[in-house]
Amino acid sequence: MTTEQADAVTTPAPPGGPARRLAVGTLVLVSLLVIGLDLLAKQLVLSNLSDGHFVRLLGGALYFDLTRNSGAAFSIGTNMTVIFPIIATAVIVFILVYARRVRSIPWAIAFGLVLGGAAGNLIDRLFRAPGPLRGHVVDFISVFGPYGERFPIFNLADSALFCGVVLAILLEFTGRRRDGTRAVGAREQS
């Protein structure tokens, strides 16, 4: 690779422009889609399931099993419910502030998944019982057994958060930058 090619690969995209608008639009669209699907799924579950009853799907690979979680993932921190809305708000604010710099569609998707997942669970924390900042998150997806026997029960917002973080890690490890460029390793420059 020549020096000119390396400079072209690592030179950041100009501010603004169509790449930024497309990336920001993708981030917003993905996050709104996640929030909408999460809220819809939770409402359907709340309307059709009661605690202690479950629906078996896919031959027992998947169960819908309503539960309310006051803690974080894996029911960690059930006595620290007020902390989670603060963390979710910080994540949301960071992504919204940082969104102006994103020019990469894959990064926009990753940030959109994280933003939508954090917002979906924050909505529960703010508006569900027992009250604001203490609300319990509605979880309902149980895999390979009801009642979270084999793996903790989760929801679509949790899934989006997880997928967004995994995608961000993959993008980072493959050298894809948020500005749409790709990092060039020392071996590739030789």
N, C-alpha and C. Protein backbone atom coordinates (compact mmCIF):
# COMPACT_ATOMS: atom_id res chain seq x y z
N MET A 1 0.86 -1.17 0.00
CA MET A 1 0.00 0.00 0.00
C MET A 1 0.90 1.23 0.00
N THR A 2 0.59 2.17 -0.86
CA THR A 2 1.37 3.40 -0.93
C THR A 2 0.95 4.35 0.18
N THR A 3 1.78 5.36 0.43
CA THR A 3 1.47 6.35 1.46
C THR A 3 0.19 7.09 1.10
N GLU A 4 0.00 7.39 -0.18
CA GLU A 4 -1.21 8.10 -0.60
C GLU A 4 -2.46 7.25 -0.32
N GLN A 5 -2.36 5.94 -0.58
CA GLN A 5 -3.50 5.07 -0.30
C GLN A 5 -3.78 5.00 1.19
N ALA A 6 -2.72 4.92 1.99
CA ALA A 6 -2.91 4.88 3.44
C ALA A 6 -3.53 6.17 3.93
N ASP A 7 -3.07 7.33 3.40
CA ASP A 7 -3.65 8.61 3.80
C ASP A 7 -5.12 8.68 3.42
N ALA A 8 -5.48 8.14 2.26
CA ALA A 8 -6.88 8.17 1.82
C ALA A 8 -7.75 7.32 2.71
N VAL A 9 -7.20 6.20 3.19
CA VAL A 9 -7.98 5.31 4.03
C VAL A 9 -8.18 5.90 5.42
N THR A 10 -7.17 6.60 5.96
CA THR A 10 -7.26 7.07 7.33
C THR A 10 -7.70 8.52 7.47
N THR A 11 -7.87 9.23 6.36
CA THR A 11 -8.32 10.62 6.43
C THR A 11 -9.78 10.64 6.82
N PRO A 12 -10.12 11.40 7.87
CA PRO A 12 -11.52 11.43 8.30
C PRO A 12 -12.43 12.07 7.25
N ALA A 13 -13.67 11.64 7.26
CA ALA A 13 -14.66 12.21 6.35
C ALA A 13 -14.93 13.65 6.75
N PRO A 14 -15.27 14.50 5.79
CA PRO A 14 -15.57 15.89 6.12
C PRO A 14 -16.81 15.98 7.00
N PRO A 15 -16.88 17.02 7.85
CA PRO A 15 -18.05 17.15 8.71
C PRO A 15 -19.31 17.37 7.89
N GLY A 16 -20.43 16.92 8.41
CA GLY A 16 -21.70 17.10 7.71
C GLY A 16 -21.77 16.23 6.48
N GLY A 17 -22.56 16.65 5.54
CA GLY A 17 -22.66 15.94 4.27
C GLY A 17 -23.60 14.77 4.32
N PRO A 18 -23.75 14.12 3.15
CA PRO A 18 -24.71 13.01 3.04
C PRO A 18 -24.35 11.81 3.91
N ALA A 19 -23.06 11.52 4.08
CA ALA A 19 -22.69 10.37 4.91
C ALA A 19 -23.16 10.56 6.34
N ARG A 20 -23.01 11.77 6.86
CA ARG A 20 -23.45 12.05 8.23
C ARG A 20 -24.96 11.96 8.34
N ARG A 21 -25.67 12.57 7.38
CA ARG A 21 -27.13 12.54 7.43
C ARG A 21 -27.66 11.11 7.35
N LEU A 22 -27.06 10.31 6.48
CA LEU A 22 -27.49 8.92 6.33
C LEU A 22 -27.21 8.13 7.61
N ALA A 23 -26.03 8.32 8.19
CA ALA A 23 -25.68 7.60 9.41
C ALA A 23 -26.58 8.01 10.58
N VAL A 24 -26.77 9.31 10.75
CA VAL A 24 -27.62 9.79 11.85
C VAL A 24 -29.06 9.33 11.63
N GLY A 25 -29.54 9.39 10.40
CA GLY A 25 -30.89 8.90 10.10
C GLY A 25 -31.03 7.42 10.40
N THR A 26 -30.01 6.64 10.06
CA THR A 26 -30.02 5.21 10.36
C THR A 26 -30.05 4.96 11.85
N LEU A 27 -29.21 5.70 12.60
CA LEU A 27 -29.17 5.57 14.06
C LEU A 27 -30.54 5.86 14.66
N VAL A 28 -31.16 6.95 14.24
CA VAL A 28 -32.48 7.33 14.76
C VAL A 28 -33.52 6.28 14.39
N LEU A 29 -33.51 5.84 13.14
CA LEU A 29 -34.49 4.85 12.68
C LEU A 29 -34.35 3.54 13.45
N VAL A 30 -33.13 3.05 13.61
CA VAL A 30 -32.91 1.80 14.33
C VAL A 30 -33.37 1.94 15.79
N SER A 31 -33.01 3.05 16.43
CA SER A 31 -33.39 3.21 17.84
C SER A 31 -34.91 3.30 17.99
N LEU A 32 -35.57 4.04 17.11
CA LEU A 32 -37.04 4.13 17.19
C LEU A 32 -37.71 2.79 16.91
N LEU A 33 -37.16 2.03 15.99
CA LEU A 33 -37.68 0.69 15.69
C LEU A 33 -37.55 -0.22 16.91
N VAL A 34 -36.39 -0.18 17.57
CA VAL A 34 -36.18 -1.00 18.77
C VAL A 34 -37.15 -0.59 19.87
N ILE A 35 -37.27 0.71 20.11
CA ILE A 35 -38.18 1.19 21.17
C ILE A 35 -39.62 0.77 20.85
N GLY A 36 -40.04 0.97 19.62
CA GLY A 36 -41.41 0.62 19.23
C GLY A 36 -41.69 -0.87 19.37
N LEU A 37 -40.78 -1.70 18.87
CA LEU A 37 -40.98 -3.16 18.98
C LEU A 37 -40.94 -3.61 20.43
N ASP A 38 -40.05 -3.03 21.22
CA ASP A 38 -39.96 -3.39 22.63
C ASP A 38 -41.25 -3.04 23.37
N LEU A 39 -41.74 -1.83 23.17
CA LEU A 39 -42.98 -1.40 23.84
C LEU A 39 -44.16 -2.25 23.39
N LEU A 40 -44.25 -2.52 22.09
CA LEU A 40 -45.34 -3.35 21.56
C LEU A 40 -45.29 -4.76 22.14
N ALA A 41 -44.11 -5.36 22.15
CA ALA A 41 -43.98 -6.72 22.68
C ALA A 41 -44.34 -6.76 24.16
N LYS A 42 -43.85 -5.79 24.92
CA LYS A 42 -44.16 -5.76 26.35
C LYS A 42 -45.66 -5.60 26.59
N GLN A 43 -46.30 -4.75 25.81
CA GLN A 43 -47.74 -4.55 25.98
C GLN A 43 -48.52 -5.83 25.62
N LEU A 44 -48.12 -6.50 24.55
CA LEU A 44 -48.77 -7.76 24.18
C LEU A 44 -48.61 -8.81 25.28
N VAL A 45 -47.43 -8.89 25.85
CA VAL A 45 -47.19 -9.86 26.91
C VAL A 45 -48.00 -9.50 28.16
N LEU A 46 -48.00 -8.22 28.53
CA LEU A 46 -48.77 -7.80 29.71
C LEU A 46 -50.27 -8.02 29.52
N SER A 47 -50.75 -7.89 28.29
CA SER A 47 -52.18 -8.07 28.01
C SER A 47 -52.59 -9.53 27.93
N ASN A 48 -51.63 -10.41 27.62
CA ASN A 48 -52.00 -11.80 27.34
C ASN A 48 -51.41 -12.84 28.28
N LEU A 49 -50.49 -12.45 29.13
CA LEU A 49 -49.88 -13.41 30.06
C LEU A 49 -50.01 -12.90 31.48
N SER A 50 -50.07 -13.81 32.41
CA SER A 50 -50.03 -13.44 33.82
C SER A 50 -48.82 -14.11 34.45
N ASP A 51 -48.40 -13.58 35.57
CA ASP A 51 -47.25 -14.17 36.28
C ASP A 51 -47.52 -15.64 36.54
N GLY A 52 -46.51 -16.46 36.33
CA GLY A 52 -46.63 -17.90 36.60
C GLY A 52 -47.12 -18.72 35.43
N HIS A 53 -47.60 -18.07 34.36
CA HIS A 53 -48.05 -18.79 33.17
C HIS A 53 -47.08 -18.48 32.04
N PHE A 54 -46.88 -19.44 31.15
CA PHE A 54 -45.96 -19.23 30.05
C PHE A 54 -46.52 -19.81 28.76
N VAL A 55 -45.94 -19.38 27.64
CA VAL A 55 -46.29 -19.91 26.32
C VAL A 55 -45.03 -20.57 25.77
N ARG A 56 -45.16 -21.82 25.36
CA ARG A 56 -44.05 -22.58 24.82
C ARG A 56 -44.04 -22.43 23.30
N LEU A 57 -42.87 -22.09 22.74
CA LEU A 57 -42.72 -21.91 21.30
C LEU A 57 -41.51 -22.70 20.78
N LEU A 58 -41.51 -22.97 19.51
CA LEU A 58 -40.37 -23.61 18.83
C LEU A 58 -39.93 -24.90 19.52
N GLY A 59 -40.90 -25.71 19.90
CA GLY A 59 -40.60 -27.00 20.51
C GLY A 59 -39.90 -26.90 21.86
N GLY A 60 -40.05 -25.80 22.53
CA GLY A 60 -39.44 -25.64 23.85
C GLY A 60 -38.11 -24.89 23.82
N ALA A 61 -37.71 -24.42 22.65
CA ALA A 61 -36.48 -23.62 22.58
C ALA A 61 -36.71 -22.20 23.10
N LEU A 62 -37.97 -21.77 23.04
CA LEU A 62 -38.30 -20.40 23.43
C LEU A 62 -39.61 -20.41 24.21
N TYR A 63 -39.64 -19.61 25.27
CA TYR A 63 -40.83 -19.47 26.08
C TYR A 63 -41.10 -17.99 26.29
N PHE A 64 -42.37 -17.61 26.31
CA PHE A 64 -42.76 -16.28 26.76
C PHE A 64 -43.28 -16.46 28.17
N ASP A 65 -42.61 -15.81 29.10
CA ASP A 65 -42.87 -16.00 30.52
C ASP A 65 -42.73 -14.65 31.20
N LEU A 66 -43.84 -14.05 31.59
CA LEU A 66 -43.85 -12.70 32.15
C LEU A 66 -43.19 -12.64 33.52
N THR A 67 -42.27 -11.71 33.66
CA THR A 67 -41.66 -11.43 34.96
C THR A 67 -41.30 -9.95 35.00
N ARG A 68 -41.19 -9.42 36.19
CA ARG A 68 -40.80 -8.02 36.36
C ARG A 68 -39.48 -8.00 37.10
N ASN A 69 -38.51 -7.27 36.54
CA ASN A 69 -37.15 -7.29 37.04
C ASN A 69 -36.78 -5.93 37.62
N SER A 70 -36.47 -5.88 38.91
CA SER A 70 -36.07 -4.61 39.53
C SER A 70 -34.57 -4.37 39.38
N GLY A 71 -33.82 -5.40 38.96
CA GLY A 71 -32.37 -5.28 38.83
C GLY A 71 -31.93 -5.09 37.40
N ALA A 72 -30.66 -5.35 37.18
CA ALA A 72 -30.08 -5.25 35.84
C ALA A 72 -30.09 -6.64 35.21
N ALA A 73 -29.26 -6.83 34.20
CA ALA A 73 -29.16 -8.14 33.55
C ALA A 73 -28.86 -9.21 34.59
N PHE A 74 -29.44 -10.37 34.41
CA PHE A 74 -29.28 -11.50 35.31
C PHE A 74 -29.77 -11.17 36.72
N SER A 75 -30.68 -10.19 36.83
CA SER A 75 -31.26 -9.75 38.10
C SER A 75 -30.20 -9.28 39.10
N ILE A 76 -29.11 -8.75 38.59
CA ILE A 76 -28.05 -8.20 39.44
C ILE A 76 -28.50 -6.85 39.97
N GLY A 77 -28.23 -6.57 41.22
CA GLY A 77 -28.52 -5.27 41.80
C GLY A 77 -29.99 -4.97 42.02
N THR A 78 -30.74 -5.95 42.46
CA THR A 78 -32.18 -5.74 42.65
C THR A 78 -32.48 -4.70 43.72
N ASN A 79 -31.54 -4.42 44.59
CA ASN A 79 -31.75 -3.40 45.62
C ASN A 79 -31.24 -2.03 45.21
N MET A 80 -30.73 -1.90 43.97
CA MET A 80 -30.17 -0.64 43.50
C MET A 80 -30.92 -0.13 42.27
N THR A 81 -32.23 -0.27 42.27
CA THR A 81 -33.05 0.06 41.11
C THR A 81 -32.86 1.49 40.64
N VAL A 82 -32.64 2.44 41.53
CA VAL A 82 -32.51 3.85 41.16
C VAL A 82 -31.26 4.10 40.33
N ILE A 83 -30.23 3.28 40.48
CA ILE A 83 -28.97 3.46 39.75
C ILE A 83 -29.16 3.22 38.25
N PHE A 84 -29.99 2.27 37.87
CA PHE A 84 -30.11 1.87 36.47
C PHE A 84 -30.69 2.95 35.56
N PRO A 85 -31.70 3.72 35.99
CA PRO A 85 -32.15 4.82 35.13
C PRO A 85 -31.08 5.89 34.94
N ILE A 86 -30.26 6.10 35.95
CA ILE A 86 -29.17 7.08 35.84
C ILE A 86 -28.15 6.61 34.81
N ILE A 87 -27.78 5.35 34.87
CA ILE A 87 -26.83 4.79 33.91
C ILE A 87 -27.42 4.83 32.50
N ALA A 88 -28.68 4.42 32.35
CA ALA A 88 -29.33 4.44 31.04
C ALA A 88 -29.40 5.84 30.47
N THR A 89 -29.71 6.82 31.31
CA THR A 89 -29.77 8.21 30.86
C THR A 89 -28.41 8.68 30.40
N ALA A 90 -27.35 8.32 31.13
CA ALA A 90 -25.99 8.71 30.73
C ALA A 90 -25.63 8.09 29.38
N VAL A 91 -25.98 6.83 29.16
CA VAL A 91 -25.70 6.17 27.88
C VAL A 91 -26.46 6.86 26.75
N ILE A 92 -27.71 7.17 26.98
CA ILE A 92 -28.54 7.83 25.97
C ILE A 92 -27.98 9.21 25.63
N VAL A 93 -27.62 9.99 26.63
CA VAL A 93 -27.07 11.33 26.39
C VAL A 93 -25.76 11.23 25.63
N PHE A 94 -24.88 10.29 26.02
CA PHE A 94 -23.61 10.11 25.32
C PHE A 94 -23.84 9.82 23.84
N ILE A 95 -24.73 8.88 23.54
CA ILE A 95 -24.98 8.51 22.15
C ILE A 95 -25.57 9.68 21.38
N LEU A 96 -26.51 10.40 21.97
CA LEU A 96 -27.13 11.54 21.28
C LEU A 96 -26.10 12.64 20.99
N VAL A 97 -25.20 12.89 21.93
CA VAL A 97 -24.16 13.90 21.71
C VAL A 97 -23.16 13.41 20.67
N TYR A 98 -22.78 12.16 20.75
CA TYR A 98 -21.78 11.59 19.86
C TYR A 98 -22.32 11.34 18.46
N ALA A 99 -23.62 11.24 18.30
CA ALA A 99 -24.25 10.88 17.02
C ALA A 99 -23.84 11.82 15.89
N ARG A 100 -23.56 13.07 16.21
CA ARG A 100 -23.19 14.04 15.17
C ARG A 100 -21.89 13.66 14.47
N ARG A 101 -21.06 12.86 15.10
CA ARG A 101 -19.76 12.49 14.52
C ARG A 101 -19.81 11.19 13.72
N VAL A 102 -20.88 10.46 13.81
CA VAL A 102 -20.96 9.15 13.16
C VAL A 102 -21.21 9.31 11.67
N ARG A 103 -20.38 8.64 10.87
CA ARG A 103 -20.52 8.65 9.41
C ARG A 103 -20.64 7.22 8.86
N SER A 104 -20.51 6.25 9.73
CA SER A 104 -20.49 4.84 9.35
C SER A 104 -21.86 4.21 9.62
N ILE A 105 -22.43 3.57 8.62
CA ILE A 105 -23.72 2.91 8.78
C ILE A 105 -23.64 1.76 9.80
N PRO A 106 -22.61 0.90 9.75
CA PRO A 106 -22.54 -0.15 10.78
C PRO A 106 -22.45 0.42 12.20
N TRP A 107 -21.68 1.48 12.39
CA TRP A 107 -21.61 2.11 13.71
C TRP A 107 -22.96 2.74 14.07
N ALA A 108 -23.63 3.32 13.10
CA ALA A 108 -24.94 3.91 13.36
C ALA A 108 -25.92 2.83 13.81
N ILE A 109 -25.86 1.67 13.20
CA ILE A 109 -26.72 0.55 13.61
C ILE A 109 -26.37 0.12 15.04
N ALA A 110 -25.08 -0.02 15.33
CA ALA A 110 -24.66 -0.42 16.68
C ALA A 110 -25.15 0.59 17.72
N PHE A 111 -24.92 1.87 17.46
CA PHE A 111 -25.36 2.90 18.40
C PHE A 111 -26.89 2.96 18.49
N GLY A 112 -27.57 2.75 17.37
CA GLY A 112 -29.04 2.75 17.37
C GLY A 112 -29.60 1.61 18.21
N LEU A 113 -28.98 0.43 18.12
CA LEU A 113 -29.41 -0.71 18.93
C LEU A 113 -29.21 -0.43 20.42
N VAL A 114 -28.05 0.12 20.76
CA VAL A 114 -27.78 0.43 22.17
C VAL A 114 -28.72 1.52 22.67
N LEU A 115 -28.90 2.57 21.87
CA LEU A 115 -29.79 3.67 22.25
C LEU A 115 -31.21 3.17 22.44
N GLY A 116 -31.71 2.41 21.49
CA GLY A 116 -33.07 1.88 21.58
C GLY A 116 -33.25 0.95 22.76
N GLY A 117 -32.26 0.09 23.01
CA GLY A 117 -32.34 -0.83 24.14
C GLY A 117 -32.31 -0.10 25.47
N ALA A 118 -31.41 0.86 25.60
CA ALA A 118 -31.33 1.63 26.84
C ALA A 118 -32.62 2.43 27.06
N ALA A 119 -33.14 3.02 26.00
CA ALA A 119 -34.38 3.81 26.12
C ALA A 119 -35.57 2.92 26.44
N GLY A 120 -35.64 1.74 25.82
CA GLY A 120 -36.75 0.82 26.09
C GLY A 120 -36.83 0.43 27.56
N ASN A 121 -35.69 0.10 28.15
CA ASN A 121 -35.69 -0.26 29.57
C ASN A 121 -35.84 0.96 30.46
N LEU A 122 -35.33 2.13 30.03
CA LEU A 122 -35.51 3.36 30.82
C LEU A 122 -36.99 3.73 30.90
N ILE A 123 -37.72 3.53 29.83
CA ILE A 123 -39.17 3.81 29.84
C ILE A 123 -39.84 2.99 30.94
N ASP A 124 -39.46 1.70 31.04
CA ASP A 124 -40.01 0.87 32.12
C ASP A 124 -39.64 1.44 33.48
N ARG A 125 -38.39 1.82 33.65
CA ARG A 125 -37.92 2.33 34.95
C ARG A 125 -38.66 3.61 35.35
N LEU A 126 -39.05 4.39 34.36
CA LEU A 126 -39.71 5.66 34.65
C LEU A 126 -41.21 5.54 34.83
N PHE A 127 -41.86 4.64 34.08
CA PHE A 127 -43.32 4.65 34.02
C PHE A 127 -44.01 3.41 34.56
N ARG A 128 -43.30 2.40 34.95
CA ARG A 128 -43.95 1.19 35.48
C ARG A 128 -43.88 1.16 37.00
N ALA A 129 -44.71 0.31 37.57
CA ALA A 129 -44.76 0.15 39.04
C ALA A 129 -43.42 -0.38 39.53
N PRO A 130 -42.99 -0.01 40.70
CA PRO A 130 -43.72 0.69 41.75
C PRO A 130 -43.67 2.22 41.65
N GLY A 131 -42.96 2.80 40.69
CA GLY A 131 -42.96 4.24 40.56
C GLY A 131 -41.75 4.75 39.80
N PRO A 132 -41.74 6.06 39.52
CA PRO A 132 -40.63 6.66 38.76
C PRO A 132 -39.26 6.38 39.39
N LEU A 133 -38.31 6.03 38.53
CA LEU A 133 -36.93 5.68 38.88
C LEU A 133 -36.81 4.37 39.65
N ARG A 134 -37.94 3.75 39.98
CA ARG A 134 -37.93 2.48 40.69
C ARG A 134 -38.72 1.41 39.93
N GLY A 135 -39.22 1.77 38.75
CA GLY A 135 -40.05 0.86 37.99
C GLY A 135 -39.32 -0.42 37.61
N HIS A 136 -40.06 -1.50 37.58
CA HIS A 136 -39.49 -2.79 37.23
C HIS A 136 -39.60 -3.01 35.73
N VAL A 137 -38.56 -3.53 35.14
CA VAL A 137 -38.52 -3.82 33.70
C VAL A 137 -39.33 -5.08 33.42
N VAL A 138 -40.12 -5.04 32.37
CA VAL A 138 -40.91 -6.20 31.96
C VAL A 138 -40.01 -7.11 31.11
N ASP A 139 -39.74 -8.30 31.61
CA ASP A 139 -38.97 -9.31 30.88
C ASP A 139 -39.91 -10.46 30.56
N PHE A 140 -39.65 -11.13 29.44
CA PHE A 140 -40.59 -12.18 29.05
C PHE A 140 -40.00 -13.26 28.16
N ILE A 141 -38.77 -13.15 27.72
CA ILE A 141 -38.20 -14.16 26.82
C ILE A 141 -37.32 -15.10 27.64
N SER A 142 -37.68 -16.37 27.64
CA SER A 142 -36.92 -17.39 28.34
C SER A 142 -36.52 -18.44 27.32
N VAL A 143 -35.26 -18.82 27.32
CA VAL A 143 -34.80 -19.79 26.33
C VAL A 143 -34.50 -21.13 26.99
N PHE A 144 -34.87 -22.20 26.28
CA PHE A 144 -34.61 -23.60 26.67
C PHE A 144 -35.26 -24.02 27.97
N GLY A 145 -36.23 -23.27 28.43
CA GLY A 145 -36.97 -23.66 29.62
C GLY A 145 -37.74 -22.47 30.16
N PRO A 146 -38.90 -22.73 30.77
CA PRO A 146 -39.67 -21.62 31.34
C PRO A 146 -39.02 -21.13 32.64
N TYR A 147 -39.47 -19.98 33.10
CA TYR A 147 -39.07 -19.41 34.39
C TYR A 147 -37.58 -19.09 34.49
N GLY A 148 -36.90 -18.95 33.35
CA GLY A 148 -35.48 -18.62 33.40
C GLY A 148 -34.63 -19.73 34.00
N GLU A 149 -35.05 -20.97 33.84
CA GLU A 149 -34.33 -22.10 34.43
C GLU A 149 -32.92 -22.26 33.88
N ARG A 150 -32.75 -22.05 32.58
CA ARG A 150 -31.46 -22.28 31.94
C ARG A 150 -30.69 -21.00 31.65
N PHE A 151 -31.41 -19.92 31.45
CA PHE A 151 -30.80 -18.62 31.14
C PHE A 151 -31.75 -17.55 31.64
N PRO A 152 -31.24 -16.47 32.20
CA PRO A 152 -32.14 -15.44 32.74
C PRO A 152 -33.13 -14.91 31.70
N ILE A 153 -34.32 -14.59 32.15
CA ILE A 153 -35.37 -14.05 31.29
C ILE A 153 -34.98 -12.62 30.89
N PHE A 154 -35.26 -12.28 29.62
CA PHE A 154 -34.89 -10.97 29.10
C PHE A 154 -35.99 -10.42 28.21
N ASN A 155 -35.75 -9.26 27.57
CA ASN A 155 -36.74 -8.66 26.68
C ASN A 155 -36.07 -8.19 25.40
N LEU A 156 -36.83 -7.57 24.51
CA LEU A 156 -36.26 -7.12 23.23
C LEU A 156 -35.25 -5.99 23.42
N ALA A 157 -35.48 -5.11 24.40
CA ALA A 157 -34.52 -4.03 24.66
C ALA A 157 -33.18 -4.62 25.09
N ASP A 158 -33.21 -5.63 25.95
CA ASP A 158 -31.98 -6.30 26.38
C ASP A 158 -31.26 -6.91 25.18
N SER A 159 -32.02 -7.54 24.30
CA SER A 159 -31.43 -8.16 23.11
C SER A 159 -30.78 -7.11 22.21
N ALA A 160 -31.45 -5.98 22.03
CA ALA A 160 -30.90 -4.91 21.20
C ALA A 160 -29.61 -4.37 21.81
N LEU A 161 -29.62 -4.14 23.12
CA LEU A 161 -28.40 -3.69 23.81
C LEU A 161 -27.25 -4.66 23.58
N PHE A 162 -27.51 -5.92 23.79
CA PHE A 162 -26.48 -6.94 23.63
C PHE A 162 -25.95 -6.96 22.20
N CYS A 163 -26.85 -7.00 21.23
CA CYS A 163 -26.43 -7.04 19.83
C CYS A 163 -25.66 -5.78 19.44
N GLY A 164 -26.09 -4.62 19.93
CA GLY A 164 -25.39 -3.38 19.64
C GLY A 164 -23.98 -3.36 20.20
N VAL A 165 -23.82 -3.85 21.41
CA VAL A 165 -22.48 -3.90 22.02
C VAL A 165 -21.59 -4.89 21.28
N VAL A 166 -22.12 -6.06 20.95
CA VAL A 166 -21.34 -7.05 20.20
C VAL A 166 -20.93 -6.49 18.85
N LEU A 167 -21.84 -5.84 18.15
CA LEU A 167 -21.51 -5.23 16.86
C LEU A 167 -20.43 -4.16 17.02
N ALA A 168 -20.52 -3.33 18.05
CA ALA A 168 -19.51 -2.30 18.28
C ALA A 168 -18.15 -2.92 18.54
N ILE A 169 -18.10 -4.00 19.30
CA ILE A 169 -16.83 -4.68 19.56
C ILE A 169 -16.25 -5.24 18.27
N LEU A 170 -17.09 -5.87 17.45
CA LEU A 170 -16.62 -6.40 16.17
C LEU A 170 -16.10 -5.28 15.26
N LEU A 171 -16.81 -4.18 15.21
CA LEU A 171 -16.37 -3.06 14.38
C LEU A 171 -15.03 -2.51 14.87
N GLU A 172 -14.88 -2.44 16.17
CA GLU A 172 -13.63 -1.94 16.75
C GLU A 172 -12.48 -2.89 16.42
N PHE A 173 -12.71 -4.18 16.59
CA PHE A 173 -11.65 -5.15 16.32
C PHE A 173 -11.29 -5.25 14.84
N THR A 174 -12.21 -4.93 13.96
CA THR A 174 -11.91 -4.97 12.53
C THR A 174 -11.40 -3.63 12.00
N GLY A 175 -11.21 -2.67 12.88
CA GLY A 175 -10.61 -1.39 12.48
C GLY A 175 -11.56 -0.43 11.80
N ARG A 176 -12.84 -0.67 11.92
CA ARG A 176 -13.81 0.24 11.30
C ARG A 176 -14.06 1.40 12.24
N ARG A 177 -13.83 2.58 11.73
CA ARG A 177 -13.97 3.79 12.55
C ARG A 177 -15.36 4.38 12.41
N ARG A 178 -15.74 5.15 13.43
CA ARG A 178 -17.06 5.76 13.44
C ARG A 178 -17.24 6.81 12.36
N ASP A 179 -16.13 7.34 11.84
CA ASP A 179 -16.22 8.36 10.79
C ASP A 179 -16.32 7.74 9.40
N GLY A 180 -16.40 6.42 9.31
CA GLY A 180 -16.56 5.74 8.03
C GLY A 180 -15.26 5.26 7.42
N THR A 181 -14.13 5.59 8.03
CA THR A 181 -12.85 5.12 7.51
C THR A 181 -12.49 3.81 8.18
N ARG A 182 -11.40 3.24 7.69
CA ARG A 182 -10.93 1.98 8.26
C ARG A 182 -9.48 2.15 8.67
N ALA A 183 -9.15 1.75 9.87
CA ALA A 183 -7.77 1.84 10.37
C ALA A 183 -6.90 0.89 9.58
N VAL A 184 -5.68 1.33 9.33
CA VAL A 184 -4.73 0.51 8.61
C VAL A 184 -3.70 0.02 9.61
N GLY A 185 -3.54 -1.31 9.68
CA GLY A 185 -2.57 -1.89 10.60
C GLY A 185 -1.15 -1.68 10.11
N ALA A 186 -0.20 -1.80 11.01
CA ALA A 186 1.22 -1.59 10.67
C ALA A 186 1.66 -2.57 9.60
N ARG A 187 1.19 -3.82 9.64
CA ARG A 187 1.59 -4.81 8.64
C ARG A 187 1.07 -4.42 7.26
N GLU A 188 -0.15 -3.89 7.19
CA GLU A 188 -0.74 -3.50 5.91
C GLU A 188 -0.03 -2.30 5.30
N GLN A 189 0.60 -1.43 6.12
CA GLN A 189 1.26 -0.24 5.60
C GLN A 189 2.58 -0.56 4.95
N SER A 190 3.20 -1.69 5.26
CA SER A 190 4.53 -2.03 4.74
C SER A 190 4.49 -2.34 3.27
